[in-house]
Amino acid sequence: MESGQTRKRENSEQRILDAAISLFATRGYAATGIRQIADKVGLTTASLYYYAHTKDDLLLRIMRLGLGELLSSGQEAMEGSSDPREQIRGLLKVHLTFAASNPERARVIDNEFQWLKEEERESVIALRDAYEQLWADAIANGDRKGLFEVKNASLTRLALLEMCNGATHWFRPNGPMSLEQIVGAFEDMAFALLRCDEPLSGASALEAAAQSPQ
């Protein structure tokens, strides 16, 4: 009986979280009321507070869960190879997959940070910085080994991250390029930015896209 109640609670919490993500992404956090979230999942405001407490709590959980997922996947990508080129490939795949598969969640994480309470920001910033440090480490390792030629590592890291973030706005599963093709094409762009002589693995993907009907 208890396990059934636990599953019911977890399901309700997930439905509320999904509704909040959708509304925060489309309307913005500031323009979304707790009643709108409750209406979207078919609950009363009182019932929603039982499961989710406050709108602030929902935003904090979205941030922590999403960045925690990125950090965990990014760490796996880094640990999978000591070659900085493979690390960059792995990080690109992680970030693009997250952005393309969870566009609304990714947009909330990227756009609604300003609405976190001051006392809550520290934990979120720590997760964000830990994830971005993975990119910084891969870039620095490649530069140190002579595989990359980077004049401004911080700016390069930000450019690569923003390039991936953009997928939340334009990627379509039924578009002319598959996610795998886009990852390959982005690898080429990343290595060009890093001034790496790595063979261009995504050239065939770009050619395939050019030949595909729009």
N, C-alpha and C. Protein backbone atom coordinates (compact mmCIF):
# COMPACT_ATOMS: atom_id res chain seq x y z
N MET A 1 0.83 -1.20 0.00
CA MET A 1 0.00 0.00 0.00
C MET A 1 0.86 1.25 0.00
N GLU A 2 1.90 1.23 0.84
CA GLU A 2 2.77 2.39 0.93
C GLU A 2 3.50 2.66 -0.36
N SER A 3 3.97 1.56 -1.03
CA SER A 3 4.68 1.74 -2.28
C SER A 3 3.77 2.32 -3.35
N GLY A 4 2.48 1.92 -3.32
CA GLY A 4 1.53 2.46 -4.27
C GLY A 4 1.31 3.94 -4.05
N GLN A 5 1.24 4.36 -2.80
CA GLN A 5 1.08 5.77 -2.48
C GLN A 5 2.32 6.56 -2.88
N THR A 6 3.49 5.94 -2.69
CA THR A 6 4.73 6.59 -3.09
C THR A 6 4.78 6.82 -4.59
N ARG A 7 4.39 5.80 -5.35
CA ARG A 7 4.38 5.93 -6.82
C ARG A 7 3.38 6.99 -7.26
N LYS A 8 2.24 7.04 -6.58
CA LYS A 8 1.23 8.04 -6.93
C LYS A 8 1.76 9.44 -6.67
N ARG A 9 2.44 9.60 -5.54
CA ARG A 9 2.99 10.91 -5.22
C ARG A 9 4.07 11.30 -6.22
N GLU A 10 4.97 10.35 -6.55
CA GLU A 10 6.04 10.64 -7.50
C GLU A 10 5.47 10.99 -8.87
N ASN A 11 4.40 10.29 -9.28
CA ASN A 11 3.77 10.58 -10.57
C ASN A 11 3.16 11.97 -10.57
N SER A 12 2.51 12.32 -9.47
CA SER A 12 1.91 13.65 -9.37
C SER A 12 2.98 14.73 -9.39
N GLU A 13 4.06 14.51 -8.67
CA GLU A 13 5.15 15.48 -8.63
C GLU A 13 5.76 15.66 -10.01
N GLN A 14 5.90 14.55 -10.77
CA GLN A 14 6.47 14.65 -12.11
C GLN A 14 5.54 15.41 -13.05
N ARG A 15 4.24 15.16 -12.94
CA ARG A 15 3.27 15.86 -13.78
C ARG A 15 3.31 17.36 -13.49
N ILE A 16 3.43 17.71 -12.23
CA ILE A 16 3.51 19.12 -11.85
C ILE A 16 4.80 19.74 -12.40
N LEU A 17 5.89 19.00 -12.28
CA LEU A 17 7.18 19.50 -12.77
C LEU A 17 7.13 19.70 -14.29
N ASP A 18 6.55 18.74 -15.00
CA ASP A 18 6.43 18.86 -16.46
C ASP A 18 5.57 20.06 -16.85
N ALA A 19 4.49 20.28 -16.11
CA ALA A 19 3.61 21.42 -16.40
C ALA A 19 4.35 22.73 -16.16
N ALA A 20 5.10 22.79 -15.07
CA ALA A 20 5.86 24.01 -14.77
C ALA A 20 6.90 24.28 -15.84
N ILE A 21 7.60 23.25 -16.28
CA ILE A 21 8.59 23.41 -17.34
C ILE A 21 7.94 23.97 -18.60
N SER A 22 6.82 23.40 -18.99
CA SER A 22 6.13 23.85 -20.21
C SER A 22 5.70 25.30 -20.10
N LEU A 23 5.12 25.68 -18.96
CA LEU A 23 4.64 27.05 -18.79
C LEU A 23 5.78 28.04 -18.64
N PHE A 24 6.81 27.67 -17.89
CA PHE A 24 7.96 28.57 -17.72
C PHE A 24 8.65 28.81 -19.07
N ALA A 25 8.69 27.77 -19.90
CA ALA A 25 9.37 27.88 -21.20
C ALA A 25 8.58 28.73 -22.18
N THR A 26 7.26 28.61 -22.15
CA THR A 26 6.44 29.32 -23.13
C THR A 26 5.99 30.70 -22.66
N ARG A 27 5.70 30.85 -21.37
CA ARG A 27 5.21 32.11 -20.84
C ARG A 27 6.28 32.90 -20.08
N GLY A 28 7.28 32.18 -19.57
CA GLY A 28 8.26 32.80 -18.71
C GLY A 28 7.88 32.57 -17.26
N TYR A 29 8.87 32.48 -16.40
CA TYR A 29 8.62 32.21 -14.98
C TYR A 29 7.78 33.33 -14.34
N ALA A 30 8.13 34.57 -14.60
CA ALA A 30 7.46 35.69 -13.95
C ALA A 30 5.99 35.79 -14.34
N ALA A 31 5.67 35.39 -15.57
CA ALA A 31 4.29 35.51 -16.07
C ALA A 31 3.44 34.28 -15.77
N THR A 32 4.01 33.29 -15.11
CA THR A 32 3.28 32.06 -14.79
C THR A 32 2.87 32.07 -13.33
N GLY A 33 1.58 31.82 -13.08
CA GLY A 33 1.08 31.76 -11.72
C GLY A 33 0.93 30.32 -11.26
N ILE A 34 0.93 30.12 -9.97
CA ILE A 34 0.79 28.77 -9.42
C ILE A 34 -0.56 28.17 -9.81
N ARG A 35 -1.59 29.01 -9.95
CA ARG A 35 -2.90 28.51 -10.36
C ARG A 35 -2.87 27.95 -11.78
N GLN A 36 -2.10 28.59 -12.65
CA GLN A 36 -2.00 28.09 -14.03
C GLN A 36 -1.34 26.72 -14.07
N ILE A 37 -0.35 26.51 -13.21
CA ILE A 37 0.30 25.20 -13.15
C ILE A 37 -0.68 24.17 -12.63
N ALA A 38 -1.43 24.53 -11.60
CA ALA A 38 -2.43 23.61 -11.03
C ALA A 38 -3.49 23.26 -12.08
N ASP A 39 -3.96 24.25 -12.81
CA ASP A 39 -4.98 24.01 -13.84
C ASP A 39 -4.46 23.07 -14.92
N LYS A 40 -3.19 23.22 -15.28
CA LYS A 40 -2.63 22.41 -16.37
C LYS A 40 -2.59 20.92 -16.01
N VAL A 41 -2.44 20.61 -14.71
CA VAL A 41 -2.40 19.20 -14.29
C VAL A 41 -3.71 18.76 -13.66
N GLY A 42 -4.72 19.63 -13.65
CA GLY A 42 -6.02 19.26 -13.12
C GLY A 42 -6.08 19.13 -11.62
N LEU A 43 -5.33 19.97 -10.91
CA LEU A 43 -5.32 19.95 -9.45
C LEU A 43 -5.81 21.28 -8.91
N THR A 44 -6.27 21.26 -7.67
CA THR A 44 -6.55 22.52 -7.00
C THR A 44 -5.23 23.13 -6.56
N THR A 45 -5.24 24.42 -6.30
CA THR A 45 -4.03 25.08 -5.82
C THR A 45 -3.55 24.47 -4.52
N ALA A 46 -4.49 24.13 -3.64
CA ALA A 46 -4.13 23.53 -2.36
C ALA A 46 -3.44 22.18 -2.56
N SER A 47 -3.94 21.39 -3.49
CA SER A 47 -3.33 20.09 -3.76
C SER A 47 -1.94 20.25 -4.35
N LEU A 48 -1.77 21.24 -5.22
CA LEU A 48 -0.46 21.48 -5.81
C LEU A 48 0.56 21.87 -4.74
N TYR A 49 0.15 22.71 -3.81
CA TYR A 49 1.05 23.10 -2.73
C TYR A 49 1.46 21.89 -1.90
N TYR A 50 0.58 20.91 -1.77
CA TYR A 50 0.91 19.70 -1.02
C TYR A 50 2.06 18.94 -1.69
N TYR A 51 2.04 18.91 -3.03
CA TYR A 51 3.06 18.17 -3.76
C TYR A 51 4.30 19.01 -4.06
N ALA A 52 4.10 20.29 -4.31
CA ALA A 52 5.21 21.10 -4.85
C ALA A 52 5.58 22.31 -4.01
N HIS A 53 4.83 22.60 -2.98
CA HIS A 53 5.11 23.73 -2.10
C HIS A 53 4.93 25.06 -2.84
N THR A 54 5.95 25.60 -3.48
CA THR A 54 5.83 26.91 -4.11
C THR A 54 6.39 26.89 -5.53
N LYS A 55 6.08 27.97 -6.25
CA LYS A 55 6.61 28.12 -7.61
C LYS A 55 8.13 28.23 -7.57
N ASP A 56 8.66 28.89 -6.56
CA ASP A 56 10.12 28.99 -6.40
C ASP A 56 10.76 27.62 -6.27
N ASP A 57 10.10 26.75 -5.49
CA ASP A 57 10.63 25.40 -5.31
C ASP A 57 10.68 24.63 -6.63
N LEU A 58 9.66 24.84 -7.45
CA LEU A 58 9.62 24.16 -8.75
C LEU A 58 10.78 24.62 -9.64
N LEU A 59 11.01 25.92 -9.70
CA LEU A 59 12.10 26.43 -10.53
C LEU A 59 13.44 25.90 -10.03
N LEU A 60 13.64 25.90 -8.73
CA LEU A 60 14.89 25.41 -8.16
C LEU A 60 15.10 23.94 -8.51
N ARG A 61 14.04 23.15 -8.41
CA ARG A 61 14.17 21.72 -8.71
C ARG A 61 14.48 21.49 -10.18
N ILE A 62 13.83 22.25 -11.06
CA ILE A 62 14.10 22.14 -12.50
C ILE A 62 15.57 22.43 -12.78
N MET A 63 16.09 23.48 -12.17
CA MET A 63 17.48 23.86 -12.37
C MET A 63 18.43 22.79 -11.86
N ARG A 64 18.20 22.33 -10.65
CA ARG A 64 19.10 21.34 -10.05
C ARG A 64 19.09 20.01 -10.79
N LEU A 65 17.90 19.55 -11.14
CA LEU A 65 17.80 18.27 -11.84
C LEU A 65 18.45 18.34 -13.23
N GLY A 66 18.15 19.40 -13.97
CA GLY A 66 18.69 19.53 -15.32
C GLY A 66 20.19 19.68 -15.35
N LEU A 67 20.71 20.57 -14.52
CA LEU A 67 22.16 20.77 -14.49
C LEU A 67 22.87 19.55 -13.90
N GLY A 68 22.22 18.90 -12.94
CA GLY A 68 22.80 17.68 -12.40
C GLY A 68 22.91 16.58 -13.45
N GLU A 69 21.90 16.49 -14.31
CA GLU A 69 21.93 15.51 -15.40
C GLU A 69 23.04 15.84 -16.40
N LEU A 70 23.16 17.11 -16.76
CA LEU A 70 24.22 17.52 -17.67
C LEU A 70 25.60 17.23 -17.09
N LEU A 71 25.77 17.54 -15.82
CA LEU A 71 27.06 17.34 -15.16
C LEU A 71 27.42 15.86 -15.13
N SER A 72 26.47 15.01 -14.75
CA SER A 72 26.73 13.58 -14.67
C SER A 72 27.10 13.00 -16.04
N SER A 73 26.33 13.37 -17.06
CA SER A 73 26.61 12.87 -18.42
C SER A 73 27.92 13.43 -18.94
N GLY A 74 28.20 14.69 -18.63
CA GLY A 74 29.46 15.29 -19.06
C GLY A 74 30.66 14.64 -18.42
N GLN A 75 30.55 14.30 -17.15
CA GLN A 75 31.64 13.62 -16.46
C GLN A 75 31.91 12.24 -17.08
N GLU A 76 30.85 11.54 -17.45
CA GLU A 76 31.02 10.25 -18.12
C GLU A 76 31.74 10.43 -19.45
N ALA A 77 31.38 11.47 -20.18
CA ALA A 77 32.03 11.73 -21.47
C ALA A 77 33.51 12.02 -21.28
N MET A 78 33.86 12.76 -20.25
CA MET A 78 35.26 13.09 -19.98
C MET A 78 36.05 11.86 -19.55
N GLU A 79 35.42 11.02 -18.75
CA GLU A 79 36.11 9.84 -18.24
C GLU A 79 36.26 8.75 -19.30
N GLY A 80 35.49 8.87 -20.40
CA GLY A 80 35.53 7.85 -21.43
C GLY A 80 36.79 7.88 -22.27
N SER A 81 37.54 8.99 -22.24
CA SER A 81 38.76 9.10 -23.04
C SER A 81 39.66 10.18 -22.45
N SER A 82 40.96 9.99 -22.61
CA SER A 82 41.93 11.02 -22.19
C SER A 82 42.30 11.93 -23.36
N ASP A 83 41.78 11.62 -24.54
CA ASP A 83 42.04 12.42 -25.73
C ASP A 83 41.10 13.63 -25.73
N PRO A 84 41.64 14.85 -25.67
CA PRO A 84 40.78 16.05 -25.64
C PRO A 84 39.82 16.14 -26.82
N ARG A 85 40.21 15.61 -27.97
CA ARG A 85 39.31 15.64 -29.12
C ARG A 85 38.09 14.78 -28.87
N GLU A 86 38.30 13.60 -28.29
CA GLU A 86 37.18 12.72 -27.97
C GLU A 86 36.35 13.31 -26.84
N GLN A 87 36.99 14.01 -25.92
CA GLN A 87 36.25 14.65 -24.83
C GLN A 87 35.33 15.73 -25.38
N ILE A 88 35.84 16.54 -26.31
CA ILE A 88 35.00 17.57 -26.93
C ILE A 88 33.86 16.93 -27.70
N ARG A 89 34.14 15.86 -28.42
CA ARG A 89 33.07 15.13 -29.13
C ARG A 89 31.99 14.67 -28.15
N GLY A 90 32.46 14.09 -27.03
CA GLY A 90 31.51 13.57 -26.05
C GLY A 90 30.67 14.67 -25.43
N LEU A 91 31.30 15.79 -25.10
CA LEU A 91 30.57 16.91 -24.50
C LEU A 91 29.57 17.51 -25.47
N LEU A 92 29.96 17.62 -26.74
CA LEU A 92 29.04 18.13 -27.75
C LEU A 92 27.81 17.23 -27.86
N LYS A 93 28.03 15.94 -27.88
CA LYS A 93 26.92 14.99 -27.98
C LYS A 93 26.01 15.10 -26.77
N VAL A 94 26.61 15.19 -25.58
CA VAL A 94 25.83 15.31 -24.34
C VAL A 94 24.95 16.56 -24.39
N HIS A 95 25.56 17.69 -24.71
CA HIS A 95 24.83 18.96 -24.65
C HIS A 95 23.77 19.05 -25.75
N LEU A 96 24.13 18.64 -26.95
CA LEU A 96 23.17 18.70 -28.05
C LEU A 96 22.01 17.74 -27.83
N THR A 97 22.29 16.56 -27.31
CA THR A 97 21.23 15.59 -27.03
C THR A 97 20.28 16.13 -25.98
N PHE A 98 20.85 16.74 -24.94
CA PHE A 98 20.02 17.33 -23.88
C PHE A 98 19.16 18.45 -24.44
N ALA A 99 19.77 19.35 -25.20
CA ALA A 99 19.05 20.50 -25.75
C ALA A 99 17.97 20.08 -26.73
N ALA A 100 18.27 19.10 -27.58
CA ALA A 100 17.32 18.67 -28.60
C ALA A 100 16.20 17.81 -28.03
N SER A 101 16.53 17.02 -27.00
CA SER A 101 15.54 16.12 -26.42
C SER A 101 14.68 16.79 -25.36
N ASN A 102 15.20 17.84 -24.74
CA ASN A 102 14.48 18.54 -23.67
C ASN A 102 14.49 20.05 -23.93
N PRO A 103 13.98 20.50 -25.07
CA PRO A 103 14.14 21.91 -25.42
C PRO A 103 13.52 22.87 -24.42
N GLU A 104 12.35 22.53 -23.90
CA GLU A 104 11.70 23.43 -22.95
C GLU A 104 12.48 23.48 -21.64
N ARG A 105 12.90 22.34 -21.16
CA ARG A 105 13.67 22.30 -19.92
C ARG A 105 14.99 23.06 -20.09
N ALA A 106 15.64 22.86 -21.23
CA ALA A 106 16.91 23.54 -21.48
C ALA A 106 16.71 25.06 -21.54
N ARG A 107 15.61 25.51 -22.13
CA ARG A 107 15.36 26.95 -22.21
C ARG A 107 15.08 27.54 -20.83
N VAL A 108 14.37 26.81 -19.99
CA VAL A 108 14.12 27.30 -18.63
C VAL A 108 15.43 27.44 -17.87
N ILE A 109 16.29 26.44 -17.97
CA ILE A 109 17.58 26.48 -17.29
C ILE A 109 18.42 27.66 -17.79
N ASP A 110 18.35 27.91 -19.08
CA ASP A 110 19.18 28.95 -19.69
C ASP A 110 18.63 30.36 -19.47
N ASN A 111 17.28 30.48 -19.42
CA ASN A 111 16.67 31.80 -19.45
C ASN A 111 16.09 32.29 -18.13
N GLU A 112 15.80 31.39 -17.19
CA GLU A 112 15.06 31.80 -16.00
C GLU A 112 15.90 31.84 -14.73
N PHE A 113 17.20 31.76 -14.89
CA PHE A 113 18.10 31.77 -13.73
C PHE A 113 17.91 33.00 -12.84
N GLN A 114 17.61 34.11 -13.47
CA GLN A 114 17.50 35.39 -12.74
C GLN A 114 16.42 35.38 -11.67
N TRP A 115 15.45 34.46 -11.79
CA TRP A 115 14.33 34.45 -10.86
C TRP A 115 14.57 33.59 -9.63
N LEU A 116 15.70 32.92 -9.56
CA LEU A 116 16.03 32.16 -8.36
C LEU A 116 16.24 33.10 -7.19
N LYS A 117 15.82 32.67 -6.02
CA LYS A 117 16.10 33.45 -4.82
C LYS A 117 17.60 33.51 -4.59
N GLU A 118 18.05 34.59 -4.04
CA GLU A 118 19.49 34.80 -3.85
C GLU A 118 20.13 33.66 -3.06
N GLU A 119 19.43 33.17 -2.02
CA GLU A 119 20.00 32.12 -1.19
C GLU A 119 20.02 30.76 -1.89
N GLU A 120 19.29 30.64 -3.01
CA GLU A 120 19.24 29.38 -3.75
C GLU A 120 20.24 29.35 -4.92
N ARG A 121 20.72 30.51 -5.30
CA ARG A 121 21.56 30.59 -6.49
C ARG A 121 22.89 29.87 -6.33
N GLU A 122 23.43 29.87 -5.12
CA GLU A 122 24.76 29.32 -4.91
C GLU A 122 24.86 27.86 -5.33
N SER A 123 23.86 27.05 -4.96
CA SER A 123 23.90 25.63 -5.31
C SER A 123 23.75 25.43 -6.82
N VAL A 124 22.95 26.27 -7.45
CA VAL A 124 22.75 26.15 -8.90
C VAL A 124 24.00 26.62 -9.64
N ILE A 125 24.60 27.71 -9.18
CA ILE A 125 25.83 28.20 -9.79
C ILE A 125 26.93 27.16 -9.68
N ALA A 126 26.99 26.47 -8.54
CA ALA A 126 28.02 25.44 -8.35
C ALA A 126 27.87 24.33 -9.37
N LEU A 127 26.64 23.90 -9.64
CA LEU A 127 26.40 22.87 -10.64
C LEU A 127 26.77 23.36 -12.04
N ARG A 128 26.33 24.58 -12.35
CA ARG A 128 26.63 25.16 -13.67
C ARG A 128 28.14 25.29 -13.89
N ASP A 129 28.82 25.81 -12.87
CA ASP A 129 30.27 26.01 -13.00
C ASP A 129 31.02 24.69 -13.11
N ALA A 130 30.55 23.67 -12.38
CA ALA A 130 31.19 22.35 -12.45
C ALA A 130 31.05 21.76 -13.85
N TYR A 131 29.86 21.96 -14.45
CA TYR A 131 29.65 21.46 -15.81
C TYR A 131 30.52 22.22 -16.81
N GLU A 132 30.52 23.53 -16.73
CA GLU A 132 31.31 24.32 -17.67
C GLU A 132 32.80 24.08 -17.49
N GLN A 133 33.21 23.69 -16.29
CA GLN A 133 34.63 23.39 -16.05
C GLN A 133 35.07 22.17 -16.85
N LEU A 134 34.15 21.24 -17.11
CA LEU A 134 34.49 20.09 -17.94
C LEU A 134 34.93 20.55 -19.33
N TRP A 135 34.19 21.49 -19.89
CA TRP A 135 34.55 22.04 -21.20
C TRP A 135 35.89 22.78 -21.12
N ALA A 136 36.05 23.54 -20.05
CA ALA A 136 37.30 24.29 -19.87
C ALA A 136 38.49 23.34 -19.79
N ASP A 137 38.31 22.23 -19.08
CA ASP A 137 39.40 21.25 -18.92
C ASP A 137 39.75 20.60 -20.25
N ALA A 138 38.72 20.23 -21.02
CA ALA A 138 38.97 19.58 -22.32
C ALA A 138 39.70 20.54 -23.26
N ILE A 139 39.29 21.80 -23.27
CA ILE A 139 39.94 22.80 -24.12
C ILE A 139 41.39 23.02 -23.68
N ALA A 140 41.59 23.16 -22.36
CA ALA A 140 42.94 23.39 -21.84
C ALA A 140 43.85 22.20 -22.12
N ASN A 141 43.32 20.99 -21.98
CA ASN A 141 44.12 19.79 -22.24
C ASN A 141 44.55 19.73 -23.70
N GLY A 142 43.62 20.04 -24.59
CA GLY A 142 43.95 20.02 -26.02
C GLY A 142 44.96 21.08 -26.39
N ASP A 143 44.84 22.25 -25.77
CA ASP A 143 45.77 23.34 -26.03
C ASP A 143 47.16 22.97 -25.51
N ARG A 144 47.19 22.39 -24.32
CA ARG A 144 48.47 22.03 -23.71
C ARG A 144 49.19 20.93 -24.51
N LYS A 145 48.43 20.01 -25.10
CA LYS A 145 49.02 18.92 -25.86
C LYS A 145 49.31 19.31 -27.31
N GLY A 146 48.99 20.54 -27.67
CA GLY A 146 49.25 20.99 -29.03
C GLY A 146 48.23 20.52 -30.04
N LEU A 147 47.10 19.99 -29.56
CA LEU A 147 46.05 19.52 -30.47
C LEU A 147 45.11 20.66 -30.86
N PHE A 148 44.95 21.64 -29.97
CA PHE A 148 44.15 22.82 -30.23
C PHE A 148 45.06 24.05 -30.21
N GLU A 149 44.59 25.10 -30.88
CA GLU A 149 45.28 26.39 -30.82
C GLU A 149 44.25 27.44 -30.42
N VAL A 150 44.22 27.74 -29.14
CA VAL A 150 43.16 28.59 -28.60
C VAL A 150 43.76 29.88 -28.05
N LYS A 151 43.29 31.01 -28.55
CA LYS A 151 43.80 32.30 -28.08
C LYS A 151 43.04 32.79 -26.84
N ASN A 152 41.75 32.51 -26.78
CA ASN A 152 40.93 32.93 -25.64
C ASN A 152 40.07 31.74 -25.23
N ALA A 153 40.53 30.99 -24.23
CA ALA A 153 39.85 29.75 -23.85
C ALA A 153 38.44 30.01 -23.31
N SER A 154 38.28 31.06 -22.51
CA SER A 154 36.97 31.35 -21.92
C SER A 154 35.95 31.70 -23.00
N LEU A 155 36.35 32.55 -23.93
CA LEU A 155 35.44 32.95 -25.00
C LEU A 155 35.11 31.76 -25.91
N THR A 156 36.10 30.92 -26.15
CA THR A 156 35.87 29.74 -26.98
C THR A 156 34.88 28.80 -26.31
N ARG A 157 35.04 28.59 -25.01
CA ARG A 157 34.11 27.73 -24.25
C ARG A 157 32.69 28.28 -24.34
N LEU A 158 32.53 29.57 -24.14
CA LEU A 158 31.20 30.17 -24.20
C LEU A 158 30.59 30.05 -25.60
N ALA A 159 31.42 30.21 -26.61
CA ALA A 159 30.92 30.10 -27.99
C ALA A 159 30.41 28.69 -28.27
N LEU A 160 31.14 27.68 -27.81
CA LEU A 160 30.73 26.29 -28.02
C LEU A 160 29.44 25.99 -27.28
N LEU A 161 29.33 26.47 -26.05
CA LEU A 161 28.11 26.23 -25.27
C LEU A 161 26.90 26.90 -25.91
N GLU A 162 27.07 28.14 -26.34
CA GLU A 162 25.95 28.86 -26.95
C GLU A 162 25.55 28.22 -28.28
N MET A 163 26.52 27.70 -29.00
CA MET A 163 26.22 27.01 -30.25
C MET A 163 25.29 25.82 -29.98
N CYS A 164 25.58 25.09 -28.92
CA CYS A 164 24.74 23.94 -28.55
C CYS A 164 23.39 24.39 -28.03
N ASN A 165 23.37 25.44 -27.22
CA ASN A 165 22.11 25.92 -26.65
C ASN A 165 21.10 26.31 -27.71
N GLY A 166 21.60 26.79 -28.83
CA GLY A 166 20.70 27.22 -29.90
C GLY A 166 19.80 26.14 -30.43
N ALA A 167 20.20 24.87 -30.26
CA ALA A 167 19.40 23.76 -30.77
C ALA A 167 18.02 23.71 -30.13
N THR A 168 17.86 24.29 -28.95
CA THR A 168 16.55 24.28 -28.30
C THR A 168 15.51 25.05 -29.10
N HIS A 169 15.96 25.96 -29.97
CA HIS A 169 15.05 26.80 -30.72
C HIS A 169 14.77 26.27 -32.13
N TRP A 170 15.72 25.59 -32.74
CA TRP A 170 15.54 25.25 -34.14
C TRP A 170 15.54 23.76 -34.46
N PHE A 171 15.98 22.91 -33.55
CA PHE A 171 16.01 21.48 -33.89
C PHE A 171 14.59 20.92 -33.97
N ARG A 172 14.36 20.12 -35.03
CA ARG A 172 13.10 19.41 -35.20
C ARG A 172 13.41 17.94 -35.51
N PRO A 173 12.80 17.01 -34.79
CA PRO A 173 13.07 15.58 -35.02
C PRO A 173 12.81 15.15 -36.46
N ASN A 174 11.87 15.83 -37.13
CA ASN A 174 11.55 15.50 -38.53
C ASN A 174 12.20 16.45 -39.52
N GLY A 175 13.24 17.18 -39.08
CA GLY A 175 13.94 18.11 -39.95
C GLY A 175 14.83 17.42 -40.96
N PRO A 176 15.50 18.19 -41.82
CA PRO A 176 16.32 17.61 -42.89
C PRO A 176 17.57 16.88 -42.38
N MET A 177 17.99 17.17 -41.15
CA MET A 177 19.15 16.50 -40.56
C MET A 177 18.77 15.81 -39.27
N SER A 178 19.27 14.60 -39.09
CA SER A 178 19.04 13.88 -37.84
C SER A 178 19.93 14.48 -36.76
N LEU A 179 19.63 14.14 -35.51
CA LEU A 179 20.46 14.63 -34.42
C LEU A 179 21.89 14.13 -34.58
N GLU A 180 22.05 12.90 -35.01
CA GLU A 180 23.39 12.34 -35.21
C GLU A 180 24.16 13.13 -36.26
N GLN A 181 23.49 13.51 -37.34
CA GLN A 181 24.14 14.30 -38.39
C GLN A 181 24.53 15.69 -37.86
N ILE A 182 23.65 16.27 -37.06
CA ILE A 182 23.94 17.60 -36.51
C ILE A 182 25.12 17.54 -35.56
N VAL A 183 25.18 16.50 -34.74
CA VAL A 183 26.33 16.33 -33.84
C VAL A 183 27.62 16.26 -34.64
N GLY A 184 27.60 15.49 -35.75
CA GLY A 184 28.79 15.39 -36.59
C GLY A 184 29.18 16.71 -37.20
N ALA A 185 28.19 17.47 -37.67
CA ALA A 185 28.47 18.77 -38.27
C ALA A 185 29.00 19.75 -37.23
N PHE A 186 28.45 19.69 -36.03
CA PHE A 186 28.92 20.57 -34.96
C PHE A 186 30.34 20.22 -34.52
N GLU A 187 30.69 18.95 -34.61
CA GLU A 187 32.08 18.56 -34.32
C GLU A 187 33.03 19.30 -35.25
N ASP A 188 32.68 19.34 -36.52
CA ASP A 188 33.53 20.03 -37.50
C ASP A 188 33.67 21.51 -37.14
N MET A 189 32.55 22.13 -36.79
CA MET A 189 32.57 23.55 -36.43
C MET A 189 33.38 23.78 -35.16
N ALA A 190 33.23 22.88 -34.20
CA ALA A 190 33.97 23.01 -32.94
C ALA A 190 35.46 22.89 -33.18
N PHE A 191 35.87 21.91 -33.99
CA PHE A 191 37.29 21.72 -34.25
C PHE A 191 37.86 22.87 -35.07
N ALA A 192 37.04 23.47 -35.93
CA ALA A 192 37.50 24.65 -36.67
C ALA A 192 37.72 25.81 -35.69
N LEU A 193 36.83 25.96 -34.74
CA LEU A 193 36.97 27.03 -33.75
C LEU A 193 38.18 26.80 -32.86
N LEU A 194 38.46 25.53 -32.57
CA LEU A 194 39.60 25.17 -31.74
C LEU A 194 40.90 25.09 -32.54
N ARG A 195 40.81 25.32 -33.85
CA ARG A 195 41.96 25.22 -34.75
C ARG A 195 42.64 23.85 -34.59
N CYS A 196 41.80 22.84 -34.71
CA CYS A 196 42.27 21.46 -34.59
C CYS A 196 42.32 20.84 -35.98
N ASP A 197 43.37 20.07 -36.25
CA ASP A 197 43.52 19.45 -37.56
C ASP A 197 42.79 18.13 -37.66
N GLU A 198 41.93 17.81 -36.69
CA GLU A 198 41.15 16.57 -36.71
C GLU A 198 40.36 16.48 -38.01
N PRO A 199 40.35 15.30 -38.67
CA PRO A 199 39.56 15.13 -39.90
C PRO A 199 38.11 15.52 -39.67
N LEU A 200 37.50 16.13 -40.67
CA LEU A 200 36.14 16.62 -40.53
C LEU A 200 35.14 15.47 -40.65
N SER A 201 34.63 15.02 -39.51
CA SER A 201 33.75 13.87 -39.49
C SER A 201 32.34 14.20 -39.96
N GLY A 202 31.96 15.46 -39.90
CA GLY A 202 30.58 15.82 -40.21
C GLY A 202 30.36 16.29 -41.63
N ALA A 203 31.37 16.28 -42.47
CA ALA A 203 31.22 16.79 -43.83
C ALA A 203 30.12 16.07 -44.58
N SER A 204 30.04 14.75 -44.42
CA SER A 204 29.02 13.98 -45.11
C SER A 204 27.63 14.36 -44.62
N ALA A 205 27.54 14.73 -43.34
CA ALA A 205 26.25 15.14 -42.79
C ALA A 205 25.78 16.44 -43.43
N LEU A 206 26.70 17.38 -43.60
CA LEU A 206 26.35 18.64 -44.24
C LEU A 206 25.94 18.43 -45.68
N GLU A 207 26.65 17.55 -46.38
CA GLU A 207 26.32 17.26 -47.77
C GLU A 207 24.94 16.61 -47.86
N ALA A 208 24.66 15.69 -46.91
CA ALA A 208 23.36 15.03 -46.91
C ALA A 208 22.23 16.02 -46.68
N ALA A 209 22.48 16.98 -45.79
CA ALA A 209 21.45 17.98 -45.51
C ALA A 209 21.19 18.86 -46.72
N ALA A 210 22.27 19.21 -47.43
CA ALA A 210 22.13 20.07 -48.60
C ALA A 210 21.30 19.41 -49.70
N GLN A 211 21.35 18.07 -49.73
CA GLN A 211 20.66 17.33 -50.76
C GLN A 211 19.24 16.94 -50.34
N SER A 212 18.91 17.13 -49.06
CA SER A 212 17.61 16.72 -48.54
C SER A 212 16.55 17.77 -48.89
N PRO A 213 15.33 17.32 -49.20
CA PRO A 213 14.26 18.28 -49.45
C PRO A 213 13.87 18.99 -48.16
N GLN A 214 13.61 20.28 -48.23
CA GLN A 214 13.26 21.06 -47.03
C GLN A 214 11.76 20.93 -46.75
